[in-house]
Amino acid sequence: MKTPFAALLILAATLTHASAQDWPTRPVRIIAPFGVGGTADIVSRVIADHLSSAFKQQFVVENRPGAGGAIGTLAIARAEPDGYTLGVTNVSALTLVPVINPKTAYKAIGDFTHVAYLAGAPVTLAVHPSANVKTLSEFIEHAKKSPKPLTYASAGVGSDGHVMGEAIAATLKVKVEHVPYRGTSQGLTDAVGGHIVFTTFTLASSAAFIRDGTLRAVAITSPERMTDYPDLPTFKELGYPSLVSLTWYVMSAPPNLPKDIAEKLNRELESFLTKPETAQQLRRYGLIHQPMTMPQLSTFIGSESARWTPVIEAAGLAGKGG
């Protein structure tokens, strides 16, 4: 004979399973830890549009920028694990910011349920046309002849653009000065206005300005040339393979998200992101998808933390955000 307590446990398990099977029954919010117009925002809206259609329920993007993505990312970690708060986290918020600021109140592994790899965005070294730089060698020459360090914009201390800017400077052996902004759009506005010499934003963020000539792309961190940007050389082919990198974006949820919901989301997103028409849409935004299972995704995030920690330390940024 079952005790009342045992019966309650069985009932709770049944209700949890049922809710996972029926999910979602009401609108779901997707927290984007960066401002409107940046790559995280673009990725979030592409995903939200698809999930809204697939599940016949609203998936609403909520932008929560600040602290290199840490504010919005912490909100994801602390939300109820009921499937109604998801988020688009990235390399900056998960692996860079916690090293730069040891007081960051979450850990990349353990404080989230990482559901799916969404896309990777290569970083583009782009200069203002007034610099009269067209190639990477001309950029290096310009930087070495400059009487003061070249200024570059990023979306804030600890952002992917910040760390990649330092990595590029160290690899090319040039002097630079970081100018942090509260978001990508503000940094791009000053760069296009000629107040900043170069940028290290993702191709997805800066593509429109590159196409209209208000910024000039010099090199990109993708492993190979991007199909939609065939004239833009990679750092790898120019002799700098250590600068191959993608600013990746993943769908994350609070820890202890019901397994059924996580797997349901993973299946739907993988099905969508691996379609040829989706890949074509992502390429137009300068994005690349890489299929991963949830265990593979957690391993990948852990390996990225191991990769970027020594880069941050070598740049003298570790512990600077505390």
C-alpha atoms as a PDB file:
ATOM      1  CA  MET A   1       0.000   0.000   0.000  1.00  0.00           C
ATOM      2  CA  LYS A   2       1.376   3.409  -1.036  1.00  0.00           C
ATOM      3  CA  THR A   3       1.757   6.068   1.621  1.00  0.00           C
ATOM      4  CA  PRO A   4       0.088   9.465   1.032  1.00  0.00           C
ATOM      5  CA  PHE A   5       3.584  10.962   0.569  1.00  0.00           C
ATOM      6  CA  ALA A   6       4.486   8.381  -2.118  1.00  0.00           C
ATOM      7  CA  ALA A   7       1.189   9.049  -3.872  1.00  0.00           C
ATOM      8  CA  LEU A   8       1.962  12.759  -3.933  1.00  0.00           C
ATOM      9  CA  LEU A   9       5.366  12.079  -5.463  1.00  0.00           C
ATOM     10  CA  ILE A  10       3.796   9.987  -8.211  1.00  0.00           C
ATOM     11  CA  LEU A  11       1.200  12.694  -8.862  1.00  0.00           C
ATOM     12  CA  ALA A  12       3.893  15.375  -9.033  1.00  0.00           C
ATOM     13  CA  ALA A  13       5.931  13.314 -11.491  1.00  0.00           C
ATOM     14  CA  THR A  14       2.842  12.728 -13.634  1.00  0.00           C
ATOM     15  CA  LEU A  15       1.952  16.414 -13.685  1.00  0.00           C
ATOM     16  CA  THR A  16       5.533  17.395 -14.546  1.00  0.00           C
ATOM     17  CA  HIS A  17       5.574  14.915 -17.425  1.00  0.00           C
ATOM     18  CA  ALA A  18       2.225  16.123 -18.668  1.00  0.00           C
ATOM     19  CA  SER A  19       3.275  19.761 -18.567  1.00  0.00           C
ATOM     20  CA  ALA A  20       6.416  18.913 -20.542  1.00  0.00           C
ATOM     21  CA  GLN A  21       4.349  17.067 -23.137  1.00  0.00           C
ATOM     22  CA  ASP A  22       1.896  19.959 -23.510  1.00  0.00           C
ATOM     23  CA  TRP A  23       4.474  22.773 -23.397  1.00  0.00           C
ATOM     24  CA  PRO A  24       4.082  25.551 -24.352  1.00  0.00           C
ATOM     25  CA  THR A  25       0.576  26.541 -23.327  1.00  0.00           C
ATOM     26  CA  ARG A  26       1.323  30.258 -22.950  1.00  0.00           C
ATOM     27  CA  PRO A  27       3.821  32.823 -24.311  1.00  0.00           C
ATOM     28  CA  VAL A  28       7.530  32.158 -23.822  1.00  0.00           C
ATOM     29  CA  ARG A  29      10.090  34.914 -23.364  1.00  0.00           C
ATOM     30  CA  ILE A  30      13.573  34.722 -24.872  1.00  0.00           C
ATOM     31  CA  ILE A  31      16.052  36.945 -23.051  1.00  0.00           C
ATOM     32  CA  ALA A  32      18.682  38.480 -25.333  1.00  0.00           C
ATOM     33  CA  PRO A  33      21.461  39.787 -23.027  1.00  0.00           C
ATOM     34  CA  PHE A  34      22.521  42.457 -25.532  1.00  0.00           C
ATOM     35  CA  GLY A  35      20.940  45.513 -27.133  1.00  0.00           C
ATOM     36  CA  VAL A  36      18.686  45.802 -30.162  1.00  0.00           C
ATOM     37  CA  GLY A  37      20.510  45.531 -33.482  1.00  0.00           C
ATOM     38  CA  GLY A  38      23.403  43.346 -32.348  1.00  0.00           C
ATOM     39  CA  THR A  39      24.026  39.769 -33.458  1.00  0.00           C
ATOM     40  CA  ALA A  40      22.434  38.258 -30.336  1.00  0.00           C
ATOM     41  CA  ASP A  41      19.308  40.268 -31.087  1.00  0.00           C
ATOM     42  CA  ILE A  42      19.285  39.143 -34.729  1.00  0.00           C
ATOM     43  CA  VAL A  43      19.728  35.480 -33.771  1.00  0.00           C
ATOM     44  CA  SER A  44      17.078  35.742 -31.040  1.00  0.00           C
ATOM     45  CA  ARG A  45      14.481  37.146 -33.432  1.00  0.00           C
ATOM     46  CA  VAL A  46      15.143  34.568 -36.148  1.00  0.00           C
ATOM     47  CA  ILE A  47      14.718  31.810 -33.551  1.00  0.00           C
ATOM     48  CA  ALA A  48      11.673  33.437 -31.914  1.00  0.00           C
ATOM     49  CA  ASP A  49       9.891  33.771 -35.261  1.00  0.00           C
ATOM     50  CA  HIS A  50      10.438  30.118 -36.052  1.00  0.00           C
ATOM     51  CA  LEU A  51       9.461  28.776 -32.627  1.00  0.00           C
ATOM     52  CA  SER A  52       6.314  30.918 -32.610  1.00  0.00           C
ATOM     53  CA  SER A  53       5.293  29.305 -35.889  1.00  0.00           C
ATOM     54  CA  ALA A  54       6.380  25.771 -34.938  1.00  0.00           C
ATOM     55  CA  PHE A  55       4.674  25.668 -31.530  1.00  0.00           C
ATOM     56  CA  LYS A  56       1.695  27.937 -32.349  1.00  0.00           C
ATOM     57  CA  GLN A  57       2.525  30.081 -29.326  1.00  0.00           C
ATOM     58  CA  GLN A  58       4.228  33.454 -28.921  1.00  0.00           C
ATOM     59  CA  PHE A  59       7.986  33.508 -28.290  1.00  0.00           C
ATOM     60  CA  VAL A  60       8.827  37.095 -27.359  1.00  0.00           C
ATOM     61  CA  VAL A  61      12.355  38.554 -27.350  1.00  0.00           C
ATOM     62  CA  GLU A  62      13.238  40.639 -24.310  1.00  0.00           C
ATOM     63  CA  ASN A  63      16.495  42.639 -24.583  1.00  0.00           C
ATOM     64  CA  ARG A  64      18.417  42.968 -21.307  1.00  0.00           C
ATOM     65  CA  PRO A  65      21.807  44.497 -22.145  1.00  0.00           C
ATOM     66  CA  GLY A  66      24.584  45.425 -19.752  1.00  0.00           C
ATOM     67  CA  ALA A  67      27.839  44.203 -18.193  1.00  0.00           C
ATOM     68  CA  GLY A  68      28.992  42.398 -21.326  1.00  0.00           C
ATOM     69  CA  GLY A  69      25.812  40.318 -21.345  1.00  0.00           C
ATOM     70  CA  ALA A  70      26.096  39.282 -17.691  1.00  0.00           C
ATOM     71  CA  ILE A  71      22.892  41.031 -16.549  1.00  0.00           C
ATOM     72  CA  GLY A  72      20.592  39.253 -18.983  1.00  0.00           C
ATOM     73  CA  THR A  73      22.476  35.969 -18.659  1.00  0.00           C
ATOM     74  CA  LEU A  74      22.079  35.999 -14.881  1.00  0.00           C
ATOM     75  CA  ALA A  75      18.350  36.583 -15.354  1.00  0.00           C
ATOM     76  CA  ILE A  76      18.210  33.405 -17.454  1.00  0.00           C
ATOM     77  CA  ALA A  77      20.058  31.401 -14.792  1.00  0.00           C
ATOM     78  CA  ARG A  78      17.748  32.616 -12.014  1.00  0.00           C
ATOM     79  CA  ALA A  79      14.434  32.159 -13.823  1.00  0.00           C
ATOM     80  CA  GLU A  80      11.969  29.399 -13.022  1.00  0.00           C
ATOM     81  CA  PRO A  81      12.908  26.198 -14.891  1.00  0.00           C
ATOM     82  CA  ASP A  82       9.423  25.808 -16.351  1.00  0.00           C
ATOM     83  CA  GLY A  83      10.254  26.360 -20.021  1.00  0.00           C
ATOM     84  CA  TYR A  84       8.716  29.822 -20.156  1.00  0.00           C
ATOM     85  CA  THR A  85      12.000  31.718 -19.844  1.00  0.00           C
ATOM     86  CA  LEU A  86      14.737  30.899 -22.333  1.00  0.00           C
ATOM     87  CA  GLY A  87      17.711  32.927 -23.477  1.00  0.00           C
ATOM     88  CA  VAL A  88      20.324  33.381 -26.175  1.00  0.00           C
ATOM     89  CA  THR A  89      23.698  33.337 -24.454  1.00  0.00           C
ATOM     90  CA  ASN A  90      27.063  33.609 -26.155  1.00  0.00           C
ATOM     91  CA  VAL A  91      30.820  33.268 -25.884  1.00  0.00           C
ATOM     92  CA  SER A  92      31.131  36.660 -24.213  1.00  0.00           C
ATOM     93  CA  ALA A  93      28.596  36.188 -21.436  1.00  0.00           C
ATOM     94  CA  LEU A  94      29.468  32.558 -20.720  1.00  0.00           C
ATOM     95  CA  THR A  95      33.242  32.287 -21.156  1.00  0.00           C
ATOM     96  CA  LEU A  96      34.812  35.760 -21.279  1.00  0.00           C
ATOM     97  CA  VAL A  97      33.023  37.883 -18.692  1.00  0.00           C
ATOM     98  CA  PRO A  98      33.441  35.359 -15.813  1.00  0.00           C
ATOM     99  CA  VAL A  99      37.236  35.433 -16.285  1.00  0.00           C
ATOM    100  CA  ILE A 100      37.404  39.215 -16.550  1.00  0.00           C
ATOM    101  CA  ASN A 101      35.072  39.642 -13.586  1.00  0.00           C
ATOM    102  CA  PRO A 102      35.498  36.831 -11.027  1.00  0.00           C
ATOM    103  CA  LYS A 103      32.479  38.190  -9.123  1.00  0.00           C
ATOM    104  CA  THR A 104      30.141  37.173 -11.957  1.00  0.00           C
ATOM    105  CA  ALA A 105      27.294  35.364 -10.205  1.00  0.00           C
ATOM    106  CA  TYR A 106      27.003  32.348 -12.495  1.00  0.00           C
ATOM    107  CA  LYS A 107      29.111  29.583 -14.022  1.00  0.00           C
ATOM    108  CA  ALA A 108      28.829  28.528 -17.660  1.00  0.00           C
ATOM    109  CA  ILE A 109      28.599  24.858 -16.740  1.00  0.00           C
ATOM    110  CA  GLY A 110      26.248  23.976 -13.892  1.00  0.00           C
ATOM    111  CA  ASP A 111      24.085  27.091 -13.739  1.00  0.00           C
ATOM    112  CA  PHE A 112      22.235  26.549 -17.032  1.00  0.00           C
ATOM    113  CA  THR A 113      20.584  23.974 -19.224  1.00  0.00           C
ATOM    114  CA  HIS A 114      22.272  24.506 -22.585  1.00  0.00           C
ATOM    115  CA  VAL A 115      19.697  23.437 -25.155  1.00  0.00           C
ATOM    116  CA  ALA A 116      21.073  24.039 -28.666  1.00  0.00           C
ATOM    117  CA  TYR A 117      23.929  25.595 -30.620  1.00  0.00           C
ATOM    118  CA  LEU A 118      22.320  28.275 -32.761  1.00  0.00           C
ATOM    119  CA  ALA A 119      24.985  29.967 -34.839  1.00  0.00           C
ATOM    120  CA  GLY A 120      28.536  31.231 -34.963  1.00  0.00           C
ATOM    121  CA  ALA A 121      29.429  34.691 -36.232  1.00  0.00           C
ATOM    122  CA  PRO A 122      32.952  35.498 -37.418  1.00  0.00           C
ATOM    123  CA  VAL A 123      34.453  38.777 -36.259  1.00  0.00           C
ATOM    124  CA  THR A 124      35.416  41.297 -38.929  1.00  0.00           C
ATOM    125  CA  LEU A 125      38.294  43.751 -38.685  1.00  0.00           C
ATOM    126  CA  ALA A 126      36.784  46.812 -40.369  1.00  0.00           C
ATOM    127  CA  VAL A 127      38.233  50.318 -40.666  1.00  0.00           C
ATOM    128  CA  HIS A 128      36.845  53.756 -41.387  1.00  0.00           C
ATOM    129  CA  PRO A 129      37.576  54.747 -45.016  1.00  0.00           C
ATOM    130  CA  SER A 130      39.496  57.833 -43.831  1.00  0.00           C
ATOM    131  CA  ALA A 131      42.279  55.518 -42.641  1.00  0.00           C
ATOM    132  CA  ASN A 132      43.004  54.742 -46.326  1.00  0.00           C
ATOM    133  CA  VAL A 133      43.523  51.076 -45.487  1.00  0.00           C
ATOM    134  CA  LYS A 134      42.415  48.336 -47.884  1.00  0.00           C
ATOM    135  CA  THR A 135      44.418  45.273 -46.833  1.00  0.00           C
ATOM    136  CA  LEU A 136      45.609  43.709 -43.596  1.00  0.00           C
ATOM    137  CA  SER A 137      49.237  44.541 -44.378  1.00  0.00           C
ATOM    138  CA  GLU A 138      48.241  48.181 -44.917  1.00  0.00           C
ATOM    139  CA  PHE A 139      46.396  48.113 -41.603  1.00  0.00           C
ATOM    140  CA  ILE A 140      49.502  46.833 -39.798  1.00  0.00           C
ATOM    141  CA  GLU A 141      51.659  49.474 -41.491  1.00  0.00           C
ATOM    142  CA  HIS A 142      49.153  52.208 -40.629  1.00  0.00           C
ATOM    143  CA  ALA A 143      49.042  51.119 -36.993  1.00  0.00           C
ATOM    144  CA  LYS A 144      52.826  51.011 -36.641  1.00  0.00           C
ATOM    145  CA  LYS A 145      53.248  54.460 -38.183  1.00  0.00           C
ATOM    146  CA  SER A 146      50.514  56.010 -36.025  1.00  0.00           C
ATOM    147  CA  PRO A 147      51.882  58.248 -33.230  1.00  0.00           C
ATOM    148  CA  LYS A 148      49.234  56.896 -30.865  1.00  0.00           C
ATOM    149  CA  PRO A 149      47.355  53.605 -30.478  1.00  0.00           C
ATOM    150  CA  LEU A 150      44.503  53.026 -32.912  1.00  0.00           C
ATOM    151  CA  THR A 151      41.097  53.221 -31.255  1.00  0.00           C
ATOM    152  CA  TYR A 152      38.610  50.397 -31.669  1.00  0.00           C
ATOM    153  CA  ALA A 153      35.012  49.969 -30.550  1.00  0.00           C
ATOM    154  CA  SER A 154      33.312  47.071 -28.820  1.00  0.00           C
ATOM    155  CA  ALA A 155      29.971  46.398 -27.130  1.00  0.00           C
ATOM    156  CA  GLY A 156      31.594  46.674 -23.697  1.00  0.00           C
ATOM    157  CA  VAL A 157      34.332  45.359 -21.436  1.00  0.00           C
ATOM    158  CA  GLY A 158      34.414  41.572 -21.685  1.00  0.00           C
ATOM    159  CA  SER A 159      32.481  41.425 -24.946  1.00  0.00           C
ATOM    160  CA  ASP A 160      33.671  39.184 -27.753  1.00  0.00           C
ATOM    161  CA  GLY A 161      34.683  42.244 -29.774  1.00  0.00           C
ATOM    162  CA  HIS A 162      36.790  43.519 -26.873  1.00  0.00           C
ATOM    163  CA  VAL A 163      38.709  40.275 -26.396  1.00  0.00           C
ATOM    164  CA  MET A 164      39.090  39.659 -30.135  1.00  0.00           C
ATOM    165  CA  GLY A 165      40.416  43.200 -30.554  1.00  0.00           C
ATOM    166  CA  GLU A 166      43.090  42.484 -27.959  1.00  0.00           C
ATOM    167  CA  ALA A 167      43.870  39.110 -29.541  1.00  0.00           C
ATOM    168  CA  ILE A 168      44.206  40.704 -32.986  1.00  0.00           C
ATOM    169  CA  ALA A 169      46.449  43.468 -31.630  1.00  0.00           C
ATOM    170  CA  ALA A 170      48.706  41.001 -29.817  1.00  0.00           C
ATOM    171  CA  THR A 171      48.944  38.701 -32.841  1.00  0.00           C
ATOM    172  CA  LEU A 172      49.644  41.518 -35.303  1.00  0.00           C
ATOM    173  CA  LYS A 173      51.945  43.253 -32.778  1.00  0.00           C
ATOM    174  CA  VAL A 174      50.219  46.635 -33.029  1.00  0.00           C
ATOM    175  CA  LYS A 175      49.132  49.090 -30.335  1.00  0.00           C
ATOM    176  CA  VAL A 176      45.421  49.726 -29.847  1.00  0.00           C
ATOM    177  CA  GLU A 177      43.105  51.533 -27.445  1.00  0.00           C
ATOM    178  CA  HIS A 178      39.814  49.929 -26.496  1.00  0.00           C
ATOM    179  CA  VAL A 179      36.724  52.172 -26.438  1.00  0.00           C
ATOM    180  CA  PRO A 180      33.801  50.304 -24.836  1.00  0.00           C
ATOM    181  CA  TYR A 181      30.189  51.149 -25.612  1.00  0.00           C
ATOM    182  CA  ARG A 182      26.921  50.083 -24.022  1.00  0.00           C
ATOM    183  CA  GLY A 183      25.955  48.240 -27.168  1.00  0.00           C
ATOM    184  CA  THR A 184      26.921  47.378 -30.725  1.00  0.00           C
ATOM    185  CA  SER A 185      24.769  50.024 -32.406  1.00  0.00           C
ATOM    186  CA  GLN A 186      26.384  52.884 -30.442  1.00  0.00           C
ATOM    187  CA  GLY A 187      29.876  51.650 -31.272  1.00  0.00           C
ATOM    188  CA  LEU A 188      29.059  51.266 -34.942  1.00  0.00           C
ATOM    189  CA  THR A 189      27.537  54.767 -35.048  1.00  0.00           C
ATOM    190  CA  ASP A 190      30.783  56.318 -33.794  1.00  0.00           C
ATOM    191  CA  ALA A 191      32.880  54.119 -36.075  1.00  0.00           C
ATOM    192  CA  VAL A 192      30.868  55.110 -39.147  1.00  0.00           C
ATOM    193  CA  GLY A 193      31.114  58.736 -38.011  1.00  0.00           C
ATOM    194  CA  GLY A 194      34.909  58.513 -38.052  1.00  0.00           C
ATOM    195  CA  HIS A 195      35.361  58.889 -34.295  1.00  0.00           C
ATOM    196  CA  ILE A 196      36.831  55.377 -34.024  1.00  0.00           C
ATOM    197  CA  VAL A 197      39.545  53.989 -36.323  1.00  0.00           C
ATOM    198  CA  PHE A 198      38.432  50.355 -36.513  1.00  0.00           C
ATOM    199  CA  THR A 199      35.926  47.828 -35.195  1.00  0.00           C
ATOM    200  CA  THR A 200      35.953  44.159 -34.238  1.00  0.00           C
ATOM    201  CA  PHE A 201      32.227  43.498 -34.357  1.00  0.00           C
ATOM    202  CA  THR A 202      30.737  40.402 -35.920  1.00  0.00           C
ATOM    203  CA  LEU A 203      30.083  40.340 -39.644  1.00  0.00           C
ATOM    204  CA  ALA A 204      26.380  40.003 -38.841  1.00  0.00           C
ATOM    205  CA  SER A 205      26.440  43.356 -37.020  1.00  0.00           C
ATOM    206  CA  SER A 206      28.612  45.321 -39.445  1.00  0.00           C
ATOM    207  CA  ALA A 207      27.598  43.809 -42.805  1.00  0.00           C
ATOM    208  CA  ALA A 208      25.230  46.643 -43.789  1.00  0.00           C
ATOM    209  CA  PHE A 209      27.953  49.261 -43.232  1.00  0.00           C
ATOM    210  CA  ILE A 210      30.506  47.180 -45.117  1.00  0.00           C
ATOM    211  CA  ARG A 211      28.137  46.795 -48.054  1.00  0.00           C
ATOM    212  CA  ASP A 212      27.407  50.524 -48.287  1.00  0.00           C
ATOM    213  CA  GLY A 213      31.080  51.475 -47.952  1.00  0.00           C
ATOM    214  CA  THR A 214      30.874  53.402 -44.671  1.00  0.00           C
ATOM    215  CA  LEU A 215      33.205  50.766 -43.192  1.00  0.00           C
ATOM    216  CA  ARG A 216      35.876  48.827 -45.074  1.00  0.00           C
ATOM    217  CA  ALA A 217      36.386  45.170 -44.155  1.00  0.00           C
ATOM    218  CA  VAL A 218      40.012  44.057 -44.040  1.00  0.00           C
ATOM    219  CA  ALA A 219      39.944  40.481 -42.698  1.00  0.00           C
ATOM    220  CA  ILE A 220      37.588  38.001 -41.058  1.00  0.00           C
ATOM    221  CA  THR A 221      38.024  35.308 -38.390  1.00  0.00           C
ATOM    222  CA  SER A 222      36.019  32.563 -40.141  1.00  0.00           C
ATOM    223  CA  PRO A 223      37.826  29.305 -40.996  1.00  0.00           C
ATOM    224  CA  GLU A 224      37.081  29.867 -44.699  1.00  0.00           C
ATOM    225  CA  ARG A 225      35.833  32.770 -46.801  1.00  0.00           C
ATOM    226  CA  MET A 226      32.133  33.458 -46.370  1.00  0.00           C
ATOM    227  CA  THR A 227      30.102  32.474 -49.435  1.00  0.00           C
ATOM    228  CA  ASP A 228      28.221  35.771 -49.529  1.00  0.00           C
ATOM    229  CA  TYR A 229      31.443  37.787 -49.037  1.00  0.00           C
ATOM    230  CA  PRO A 230      33.906  36.061 -51.400  1.00  0.00           C
ATOM    231  CA  ASP A 231      36.307  39.016 -51.609  1.00  0.00           C
ATOM    232  CA  LEU A 232      36.869  39.244 -47.860  1.00  0.00           C
ATOM    233  CA  PRO A 233      40.042  37.304 -46.904  1.00  0.00           C
ATOM    234  CA  THR A 234      40.386  35.314 -43.708  1.00  0.00           C
ATOM    235  CA  PHE A 235      43.087  35.880 -41.112  1.00  0.00           C
ATOM    236  CA  LYS A 236      43.993  32.223 -41.611  1.00  0.00           C
ATOM    237  CA  GLU A 237      44.832  32.581 -45.293  1.00  0.00           C
ATOM    238  CA  LEU A 238      46.759  35.774 -44.519  1.00  0.00           C
ATOM    239  CA  GLY A 239      49.051  33.835 -42.184  1.00  0.00           C
ATOM    240  CA  TYR A 240      47.328  34.163 -38.795  1.00  0.00           C
ATOM    241  CA  PRO A 241      45.572  30.822 -38.091  1.00  0.00           C
ATOM    242  CA  SER A 242      45.389  31.520 -34.340  1.00  0.00           C
ATOM    243  CA  LEU A 243      42.781  34.184 -35.103  1.00  0.00           C
ATOM    244  CA  VAL A 244      40.243  31.695 -36.455  1.00  0.00           C
ATOM    245  CA  SER A 245      37.240  32.159 -34.209  1.00  0.00           C
ATOM    246  CA  LEU A 246      33.458  32.397 -34.172  1.00  0.00           C
ATOM    247  CA  THR A 247      31.354  34.391 -31.754  1.00  0.00           C
ATOM    248  CA  TRP A 248      28.880  31.631 -30.982  1.00  0.00           C
ATOM    249  CA  TYR A 249      25.315  31.854 -29.745  1.00  0.00           C
ATOM    250  CA  VAL A 250      23.422  29.127 -27.933  1.00  0.00           C
ATOM    251  CA  MET A 251      19.929  28.658 -26.570  1.00  0.00           C
ATOM    252  CA  SER A 252      20.184  28.335 -22.805  1.00  0.00           C
ATOM    253  CA  ALA A 253      17.622  27.898 -20.052  1.00  0.00           C
ATOM    254  CA  PRO A 254      17.670  27.829 -16.253  1.00  0.00           C
ATOM    255  CA  PRO A 255      19.196  24.755 -14.602  1.00  0.00           C
ATOM    256  CA  ASN A 256      16.883  21.776 -14.084  1.00  0.00           C
ATOM    257  CA  LEU A 257      14.759  22.514 -17.134  1.00  0.00           C
ATOM    258  CA  PRO A 258      12.605  19.371 -17.616  1.00  0.00           C
ATOM    259  CA  LYS A 259      14.435  16.995 -19.933  1.00  0.00           C
ATOM    260  CA  ASP A 260      11.388  16.551 -22.165  1.00  0.00           C
ATOM    261  CA  ILE A 261      11.183  20.287 -22.839  1.00  0.00           C
ATOM    262  CA  ALA A 262      14.919  20.598 -23.484  1.00  0.00           C
ATOM    263  CA  GLU A 263      14.874  17.687 -25.924  1.00  0.00           C
ATOM    264  CA  LYS A 264      11.738  18.985 -27.625  1.00  0.00           C
ATOM    265  CA  LEU A 265      13.431  22.356 -28.184  1.00  0.00           C
ATOM    266  CA  ASN A 266      16.695  20.779 -29.324  1.00  0.00           C
ATOM    267  CA  ARG A 267      14.944  18.614 -31.927  1.00  0.00           C
ATOM    268  CA  GLU A 268      12.912  21.514 -33.287  1.00  0.00           C
ATOM    269  CA  LEU A 269      15.881  23.891 -33.478  1.00  0.00           C
ATOM    270  CA  GLU A 270      18.220  21.347 -35.065  1.00  0.00           C
ATOM    271  CA  SER A 271      15.565  20.500 -37.654  1.00  0.00           C
ATOM    272  CA  PHE A 272      15.105  24.180 -38.478  1.00  0.00           C
ATOM    273  CA  LEU A 273      18.762  25.229 -38.459  1.00  0.00           C
ATOM    274  CA  THR A 274      19.966  22.383 -40.681  1.00  0.00           C
ATOM    275  CA  LYS A 275      17.515  23.129 -43.497  1.00  0.00           C
ATOM    276  CA  PRO A 276      19.235  24.513 -46.646  1.00  0.00           C
ATOM    277  CA  GLU A 277      16.926  27.536 -46.748  1.00  0.00           C
ATOM    278  CA  THR A 278      17.758  28.378 -43.112  1.00  0.00           C
ATOM    279  CA  ALA A 279      21.485  28.017 -43.776  1.00  0.00           C
ATOM    280  CA  GLN A 280      21.094  30.434 -46.682  1.00  0.00           C
ATOM    281  CA  GLN A 281      19.243  32.917 -44.469  1.00  0.00           C
ATOM    282  CA  LEU A 282      21.928  32.660 -41.786  1.00  0.00           C
ATOM    283  CA  ARG A 283      24.710  33.191 -44.352  1.00  0.00           C
ATOM    284  CA  ARG A 284      23.085  36.443 -45.423  1.00  0.00           C
ATOM    285  CA  TYR A 285      23.450  37.573 -41.812  1.00  0.00           C
ATOM    286  CA  GLY A 286      27.054  36.315 -41.737  1.00  0.00           C
ATOM    287  CA  LEU A 287      26.192  33.346 -39.512  1.00  0.00           C
ATOM    288  CA  ILE A 288      27.142  29.653 -39.552  1.00  0.00           C
ATOM    289  CA  HIS A 289      25.280  26.807 -37.813  1.00  0.00           C
ATOM    290  CA  GLN A 290      27.067  23.752 -36.414  1.00  0.00           C
ATOM    291  CA  PRO A 291      24.922  20.728 -35.433  1.00  0.00           C
ATOM    292  CA  MET A 292      25.443  19.566 -31.845  1.00  0.00           C
ATOM    293  CA  THR A 293      23.719  17.355 -29.309  1.00  0.00           C
ATOM    294  CA  MET A 294      23.188  18.782 -25.835  1.00  0.00           C
ATOM    295  CA  PRO A 295      26.122  16.809 -24.334  1.00  0.00           C
ATOM    296  CA  GLN A 296      28.358  17.953 -27.215  1.00  0.00           C
ATOM    297  CA  LEU A 297      27.268  21.537 -26.599  1.00  0.00           C
ATOM    298  CA  SER A 298      28.254  21.429 -22.918  1.00  0.00           C
ATOM    299  CA  THR A 299      31.644  19.949 -23.857  1.00  0.00           C
ATOM    300  CA  PHE A 300      32.103  22.662 -26.484  1.00  0.00           C
ATOM    301  CA  ILE A 301      31.336  25.484 -24.032  1.00  0.00           C
ATOM    302  CA  GLY A 302      33.810  24.016 -21.549  1.00  0.00           C
ATOM    303  CA  SER A 303      36.515  23.831 -24.223  1.00  0.00           C
ATOM    304  CA  GLU A 304      35.892  27.451 -25.219  1.00  0.00           C
ATOM    305  CA  SER A 305      36.375  28.545 -21.617  1.00  0.00           C
ATOM    306  CA  ALA A 306      39.707  26.724 -21.594  1.00  0.00           C
ATOM    307  CA  ARG A 307      40.693  28.347 -24.898  1.00  0.00           C
ATOM    308  CA  TRP A 308      39.924  31.956 -24.008  1.00  0.00           C
ATOM    309  CA  THR A 309      41.104  32.090 -20.393  1.00  0.00           C
ATOM    310  CA  PRO A 310      44.845  32.291 -21.281  1.00  0.00           C
ATOM    311  CA  VAL A 311      44.100  34.875 -23.999  1.00  0.00           C
ATOM    312  CA  ILE A 312      42.343  37.070 -21.443  1.00  0.00           C
ATOM    313  CA  GLU A 313      45.153  36.569 -18.940  1.00  0.00           C
ATOM    314  CA  ALA A 314      47.826  37.406 -21.537  1.00  0.00           C
ATOM    315  CA  ALA A 315      45.979  40.629 -22.386  1.00  0.00           C
ATOM    316  CA  GLY A 316      46.023  41.601 -18.710  1.00  0.00           C
ATOM    317  CA  LEU A 317      42.233  41.610 -18.486  1.00  0.00           C
ATOM    318  CA  ALA A 318      41.679  38.794 -15.989  1.00  0.00           C
ATOM    319  CA  GLY A 319      40.148  40.121 -12.781  1.00  0.00           C
ATOM    320  CA  LYS A 320      39.826  43.649 -14.179  1.00  0.00           C
ATOM    321  CA  GLY A 321      36.049  43.657 -14.061  1.00  0.00           C
ATOM    322  CA  GLY A 322      35.678  42.952 -10.351  1.00  0.00           C
END
